Structures are given as structure tokens and as C-alpha cells.
Protein backbone atom coordinates (compact mmCIF):
# COMPACT_ATOMS: atom_id res chain seq x y z
CA MET A 1 0.00 0.00 0.00
CA PRO A 2 1.42 3.43 -0.87
CA GLN A 3 2.23 5.97 1.81
CA THR A 4 -0.55 8.57 2.15
CA SER A 5 0.06 12.08 3.56
CA MET A 6 3.39 10.90 4.99
CA MET A 7 1.61 8.00 6.67
CA GLU A 8 3.48 4.82 7.41
CA ILE A 9 1.31 1.75 6.91
CA ILE A 10 2.58 -1.72 7.78
CA THR A 11 1.11 -4.53 5.70
CA ALA A 12 1.39 -8.31 5.56
CA ASP A 13 1.57 -10.49 2.46
CA ALA A 14 -0.60 -13.07 4.22
CA LEU A 15 -3.58 -10.69 4.07
CA ALA A 16 -3.18 -9.85 0.39
CA PRO A 17 -5.01 -9.06 -1.85
CA LEU A 18 -7.32 -7.44 0.71
CA ARG A 19 -6.66 -3.82 1.57
CA HIS A 20 -5.40 -3.53 5.12
CA GLY A 21 -2.88 -1.74 7.27
CA PHE A 22 -1.36 -1.42 10.71
CA PHE A 23 -0.98 2.36 10.87
CA THR A 24 1.89 3.89 12.83
CA ARG A 25 1.64 7.32 14.48
CA LYS A 26 3.18 9.04 11.45
CA GLY A 27 1.18 11.32 9.18
CA GLY A 28 -1.41 12.60 11.65
CA ALA A 29 -2.65 16.00 12.78
CA SER A 30 -2.31 15.58 16.55
CA SER A 31 0.33 17.48 18.53
CA GLY A 32 2.06 17.40 21.90
CA ILE A 33 2.03 14.03 23.65
CA PHE A 34 -0.39 12.80 20.97
CA ALA A 35 1.83 13.94 18.09
CA GLY A 36 0.87 12.05 14.96
CA LEU A 37 -2.01 9.85 13.93
CA ASN A 38 -3.95 9.49 17.18
CA CYS A 39 -7.25 7.78 16.35
CA GLY A 40 -8.49 7.29 19.91
CA THR A 41 -11.76 9.08 20.62
CA GLY A 42 -11.31 7.96 24.24
CA SER A 43 -8.15 10.03 24.64
CA SER A 44 -8.09 13.63 25.88
CA ASP A 45 -6.86 14.81 22.46
CA LEU A 46 -9.01 17.35 20.63
CA SER A 47 -12.00 15.52 19.17
CA GLU A 48 -11.87 17.48 15.90
CA VAL A 49 -8.23 16.53 15.42
CA VAL A 50 -8.94 12.84 16.08
CA ALA A 51 -11.72 13.12 13.48
CA ILE A 52 -9.20 14.47 10.95
CA ASN A 53 -6.88 11.57 11.68
CA ARG A 54 -9.65 9.00 11.24
CA SER A 55 -10.63 10.65 7.95
CA ARG A 56 -7.05 10.27 6.71
CA VAL A 57 -7.11 6.60 7.67
CA ALA A 58 -10.38 6.03 5.85
CA GLU A 59 -8.99 7.78 2.76
CA ALA A 60 -5.93 5.54 2.85
CA MET A 61 -8.28 2.55 3.02
CA GLY A 62 -10.23 3.81 0.01
CA ALA A 63 -13.46 4.46 1.87
CA PRO A 64 -15.47 7.37 3.24
CA VAL A 65 -14.96 7.90 6.97
CA GLU A 66 -18.56 6.87 7.63
CA ARG A 67 -17.60 3.34 6.55
CA LEU A 68 -14.78 3.09 9.10
CA VAL A 69 -16.26 1.01 11.93
CA THR A 70 -14.75 0.76 15.41
CA VAL A 71 -16.26 -0.55 18.64
CA HIS A 72 -16.19 0.47 22.30
CA GLN A 73 -13.37 -1.82 23.44
CA ILE A 74 -13.68 -3.36 26.91
CA HIS A 75 -10.97 -6.09 27.06
CA SER A 76 -13.57 -8.83 26.51
CA PRO A 77 -13.93 -11.94 24.34
CA ASP A 78 -17.06 -10.42 22.78
CA VAL A 79 -17.39 -10.26 18.97
CA VAL A 80 -19.99 -8.46 16.87
CA THR A 81 -20.99 -9.07 13.26
CA ILE A 82 -21.05 -5.82 11.29
CA THR A 83 -23.35 -5.37 8.29
CA ALA A 84 -23.55 -1.55 8.27
CA PRO A 85 -22.00 1.41 10.09
CA HIS A 86 -23.33 1.92 13.62
CA GLU A 87 -26.21 4.28 14.22
CA GLY A 88 -25.71 5.81 17.64
CA ALA A 89 -23.28 4.48 20.21
CA ALA A 90 -20.77 1.85 19.16
CA PRO A 91 -21.36 -1.61 20.63
CA GLN A 92 -19.16 -2.84 23.45
CA ALA A 93 -16.92 -5.58 22.04
CA ASP A 94 -13.31 -6.39 21.20
CA GLY A 95 -13.77 -8.29 17.95
CA MET A 96 -15.61 -7.62 14.70
CA VAL A 97 -16.36 -9.66 11.61
CA THR A 98 -18.04 -8.82 8.33
CA ALA A 99 -18.80 -10.15 4.87
CA THR A 100 -20.06 -6.76 3.65
CA PRO A 101 -17.87 -5.16 0.95
CA GLY A 102 -16.85 -1.57 1.54
CA LEU A 103 -16.86 -1.64 5.33
CA VAL A 104 -13.55 -0.93 7.06
CA LEU A 105 -13.04 -2.70 10.38
CA GLY A 106 -10.72 -0.81 12.72
CA VAL A 107 -9.26 -1.61 16.14
CA LEU A 108 -7.42 0.77 18.44
CA THR A 109 -4.35 -0.20 20.45
CA ALA A 110 -1.47 1.18 22.50
CA ASP A 111 0.44 -1.99 23.52
CA CYS A 112 -2.43 -4.50 23.18
CA GLN A 113 -2.43 -6.61 20.04
CA PRO A 114 -4.27 -5.54 16.89
CA VAL A 115 -5.12 -8.75 15.01
CA LEU A 116 -6.46 -8.72 11.45
CA PHE A 117 -8.10 -11.80 9.94
CA ALA A 118 -9.03 -12.70 6.37
CA ASP A 119 -10.50 -15.54 4.34
CA ALA A 120 -10.17 -13.83 0.99
CA GLU A 121 -11.75 -16.74 -0.89
CA ALA A 122 -14.92 -16.62 1.21
CA GLY A 123 -14.96 -12.81 1.36
CA VAL A 124 -14.98 -12.71 5.16
CA ILE A 125 -12.75 -10.54 7.37
CA GLY A 126 -12.27 -9.89 11.06
CA ALA A 127 -10.39 -7.66 13.47
CA ALA A 128 -9.63 -7.98 17.18
CA HIS A 129 -8.30 -5.85 20.00
CA ALA A 130 -6.45 -8.52 21.96
CA GLY A 131 -4.80 -7.48 25.20
CA TRP A 132 -3.77 -10.06 27.75
CA ARG A 133 -7.25 -10.39 29.21
CA GLY A 134 -9.12 -10.66 25.93
CA THR A 135 -6.59 -13.10 24.52
CA ARG A 136 -6.72 -15.30 27.62
CA ASP A 137 -10.51 -15.18 27.67
CA GLY A 138 -10.84 -16.24 24.02
CA VAL A 139 -11.42 -13.22 21.78
CA LEU A 140 -9.25 -14.66 18.99
CA GLU A 141 -11.13 -17.97 18.91
CA ALA A 142 -14.42 -16.06 19.06
CA VAL A 143 -13.48 -14.11 15.92
CA LEU A 144 -12.71 -17.38 14.11
CA ASP A 145 -16.08 -18.82 15.18
CA ALA A 146 -17.92 -15.71 13.99
CA MET A 147 -16.09 -15.74 10.66
CA GLU A 148 -17.10 -19.37 10.14
CA THR A 149 -20.72 -18.40 10.75
CA LEU A 150 -20.37 -16.04 7.76
CA GLY A 151 -18.95 -18.80 5.55
CA ALA A 152 -15.20 -18.69 6.20
CA GLN A 153 -13.13 -21.83 6.72
CA ARG A 154 -10.60 -21.51 9.52
CA SER A 155 -8.07 -23.58 7.59
CA ARG A 156 -8.08 -20.75 5.01
CA ILE A 157 -8.05 -17.87 7.48
CA ALA A 158 -4.88 -15.81 7.81
CA ALA A 159 -4.40 -13.96 11.11
CA VAL A 160 -1.73 -11.28 11.50
CA ILE A 161 -0.76 -9.63 14.78
CA GLY A 162 0.44 -6.07 14.34
CA PRO A 163 2.60 -3.82 16.54
CA THR A 164 2.29 -4.80 20.21
CA ILE A 165 4.38 -4.85 23.35
CA SER A 166 7.23 -7.36 23.18
CA GLN A 167 8.32 -9.75 25.91
CA ALA A 168 11.42 -7.76 26.86
CA ALA A 169 9.23 -4.75 27.74
CA TYR A 170 6.31 -6.57 29.37
CA GLU A 171 7.12 -7.10 33.04
CA VAL A 172 4.35 -8.58 35.19
CA GLY A 173 3.84 -9.74 38.76
CA PRO A 174 3.40 -13.26 40.14
CA GLU A 175 -0.41 -13.00 40.38
CA PHE A 176 -0.53 -12.33 36.65
CA VAL A 177 1.55 -15.44 35.95
CA TYR A 178 -0.53 -17.64 38.23
CA GLY A 179 -3.71 -16.52 36.48
CA PHE A 180 -2.44 -17.82 33.15
CA ILE A 181 -0.96 -21.03 34.50
CA ASP A 182 -4.14 -21.80 36.46
CA ASP A 183 -6.04 -21.38 33.19
CA ASP A 184 -3.62 -23.64 31.28
CA PRO A 185 -0.34 -24.97 32.72
CA GLU A 186 1.19 -24.97 29.22
CA ALA A 187 1.08 -21.17 29.27
CA ALA A 188 4.14 -21.23 31.58
CA ARG A 189 6.33 -21.35 28.47
CA PHE A 190 5.41 -17.74 27.64
CA PHE A 191 6.99 -16.30 30.78
CA ALA A 192 10.69 -15.59 31.29
CA GLN A 193 12.40 -14.69 34.55
CA GLY A 194 12.52 -10.97 35.25
CA THR A 195 13.95 -9.03 38.19
CA GLY A 196 13.13 -10.43 41.63
CA ASP A 197 9.66 -11.95 41.59
CA ARG A 198 8.80 -10.30 38.27
CA ALA A 199 8.32 -12.17 35.02
CA LEU A 200 8.40 -11.15 31.35
CA PHE A 201 5.32 -12.13 29.34
CA ASP A 202 5.43 -12.92 25.61
CA LEU A 203 1.96 -11.77 24.59
CA PRO A 204 2.32 -12.23 20.80
CA ALA A 205 3.81 -15.72 21.16
CA TYR A 206 0.94 -16.66 23.46
CA ALA A 207 -1.59 -15.35 20.93
CA LEU A 208 0.07 -17.22 18.06
CA TRP A 209 -0.09 -20.39 20.14
CA ARG A 210 -3.80 -19.86 20.78
CA LEU A 211 -4.49 -19.15 17.10
CA ARG A 212 -2.60 -22.21 15.87
CA ALA A 213 -4.24 -24.45 18.46
CA ALA A 214 -7.61 -23.19 17.18
CA GLY A 215 -6.75 -24.39 13.68
CA VAL A 216 -6.18 -21.11 11.86
CA GLY A 217 -4.61 -21.56 8.43
CA HIS A 218 -1.80 -19.05 8.95
CA ALA A 219 -0.71 -16.89 11.89
CA GLU A 220 2.16 -14.43 12.20
CA TRP A 221 3.34 -11.35 14.10
CA THR A 222 4.88 -8.36 12.31
CA HIS A 223 7.57 -8.19 15.05
CA HIS A 224 7.11 -4.50 15.86
CA CYS A 225 7.30 -3.52 19.55
CA THR A 226 5.16 -0.54 20.55
CA TYR A 227 7.06 0.16 23.77
CA ARG A 228 10.54 0.39 22.27
CA ASP A 229 9.80 2.64 19.27
CA PRO A 230 8.27 5.95 20.46
CA ASP A 231 8.73 7.64 17.09
CA ARG A 232 6.43 5.13 15.40
CA PHE A 233 4.06 3.79 18.06
CA TYR A 234 1.96 4.88 21.01
CA SER A 235 2.44 2.84 24.20
CA TYR A 236 0.33 2.86 27.34
CA ARG A 237 3.12 1.30 29.39
CA ARG A 238 5.77 3.74 28.13
CA THR A 239 3.43 6.65 28.91
CA THR A 240 2.93 5.26 32.43
CA HIS A 241 6.67 4.89 33.00
CA ARG A 242 7.26 8.45 31.78
CA GLN A 243 4.38 9.74 33.91
CA GLU A 244 2.79 11.48 30.94
CA ALA A 245 -0.80 12.66 31.18
CA ASP A 246 -2.27 10.53 28.40
CA TYR A 247 -1.41 8.56 25.30
CA GLY A 248 -2.56 8.17 21.71
CA ARG A 249 -4.10 5.12 20.10
CA LEU A 250 -2.89 3.39 16.96
CA ILE A 251 -5.41 2.09 14.45
CA SER A 252 -5.29 -1.12 12.41
CA CYS A 253 -7.78 -1.71 9.62
CA ILE A 254 -8.97 -4.24 7.04
CA ARG A 255 -11.68 -4.11 4.38
CA LEU A 256 -13.17 -6.23 1.62
């Protein structure tokens, strides 16, 4: 996909020929701590500037901004099927699927995983906001189930994880570790020893494991870390460590 208005758009061959992109923070209208392409309406950024940024994203995706669909993300395993743009408030969910041409599915992240899904042959796509809680609770598998309901075959589905926090930057406490191991003892492999009683969690590797166990045809991560690249990505954890007032949200999109 070409660069648009100095935008930087990360793509994956596995999702071709469908138009898609993991947008970085470059090419946006926001300033200050939000500098760049902040698409988070839940941030304290100026709403009119966020609207400009979302319009630029829609243009890059070849659609009017009214066709760019996002949801009210709540770190859940909940998935909604989209057949038209929302009227009124966006539904609370963390996954979306559609078989409707012209709709752009978008998820917002700032360390959590954006995951884009496609069965190009069936004409079915999906998108998920997959933080640790949603991933553990099954949002990725729920997207696959919902895509199958629309006619996709999971053996044909490609799933690509975009920029997210990497293991080296994701330090967690013992209660966090126990929660995963209690859920599935095999999850222990995704934790490395940190400092003291801390552990380092490999969120994208865990998600790839879940996707492959669910029978997805292809799964990969783009290998971009949000925490370690402030020029390109927003990061909730980096903002917290720097004691900044707020943070921007990256957007990742796919359309038929």
C-alpha cells in the first residue's frame, strides 16, 4: 500500500489481496504528547483533530470515513458481526467480523495486540483488540467462530498480529503469571524470569499459540514492539513509565 500524507502503513503479504494496514503514528494531525495519527476518541486529544486523523485513515483505506467502523473496546472476548456502520453508540466488544464489501473494520491499540483476519476466498474478514485479558478469555477464537458463521473456513483464514508490546518490555507480577498457569499450565512457556519476583510475558507468542491451536490456516506477528519505538508507536506502558498525562491510540484496519 502506498504511503498517504506521509503516513506509514505496515502490511502483511498473508492478508493480500485485501486492503489492510497497521498504521503507525506518522502522518497525523495531533500534537504534543499525541503527536501524529492518534485515532483514539477515548483520549483527551481534541476531538476534531482525532476526526481528521480518522478521515485520513479512511482515505488511505479507500473508503469514506462513515464506513470506518470501530467498537467500544472493553478487554472482553465479545465479537460483533457488522453489516452496516453503527447508528448511535458503538457496541461494546473487542472483535468484529463482516462479509459486507466496503466496510472498514478498525481496532485501536497502545500496547495491546491488533489482530487482522481474512479468508479472501470466502470474502470474510475480522479484526480484534487482543490485550492479555481478551486473549486469555478467548477473543481470537471467538473471531474465528464468527467468521465461520459467515462462511469462512478456519483452515483458510490468515491472522496477522500487528505492533504490540514485546516480551522484553512486558514485566508482570506473580499473580498475573498464576492466572495464566491456572487457566492452562502450558502457558508457563510464555513467561521468562525478570527481576526479583517479576516475570516477562510474551503476549504475541501466546496469541500465536492460541491461534494455531484453534486451527487457523496461517498466523504471524509483524515483530514490531510498541514500547521500544516511540517515534512510530503509542504505548500505554511507556506513557505510564514516563508519567505522561495521556497517550494516543494506533489504528489497524482491514476491508473487503
